[in-house]
């Protein structure tokens, strides 16, 4: 059994790969304090390996590594982007500049689709990555996520509140609703426009994938058809853990 970790800026997600099958484990907001998550693993059986993707701080990675060493005498193997892995060839001239979460999510989407894909990850940042039908990663885009947009408006202006309204409306009649609606609908419109343009460049038959913690809030407002897979990074890790196509580990 292999423990798979997706360590993000705000959450840690984990799953278990056993007999070639991915079994989701859980997801917890860590608040930069991994003890909130690690306590859930104390009752779990000892895995054979730990394979991880992390975009978090070295301090958080170090805390997780120390726990794994202390409780299971295991090291955490961090996946890093490489020139090629699992049938996907990296489009970056310097793969180290590509986020490991983007790389592994693209691998997961391509393995599940076996056709051209566009992957939209709705986390703290909004990222889009395209892989053509031959497995060539064509590159992608990065923009602020809708929650980060709200925080930026609040921090960067003198009088705008940190929006918390739930109702989304095109013609908002108060400031809180205008910010909440503008950021969510704006992010959805950006995703539709950019993913649609990428799909057209890939020949028009690309599978569109949606993942990340902000995806459920955005999906109702998207006009294009996306496949929502909350565990897309874990799916990619499962492909790499199974040894399909190699990869690069720390």
Foldseek 3Di string as FASTA:
>chain_A
DEKEWEAEAFKIWIWDQDPLDTGTDDMDGCVLPCVVPVVVCLPPDADPAYEYFHPYDPSSQVVVQVSCCVRRVYGYKYFFFDCDFLQAGEQDPDSNVDGPLVVLLLSLVCVVPLAWEWEWAQEQKTKIWIAHNRRYTNDIDIGGHLQNQLVCVCVVDDDQHSADDDDADPDDDDRSNCSNNCSLLVVQVVCQVVRCVRCVVRPVPHAYEYEYPCRVVNVVNHPDDHHYDHCSSVSSVSSVVVVRGHGDID
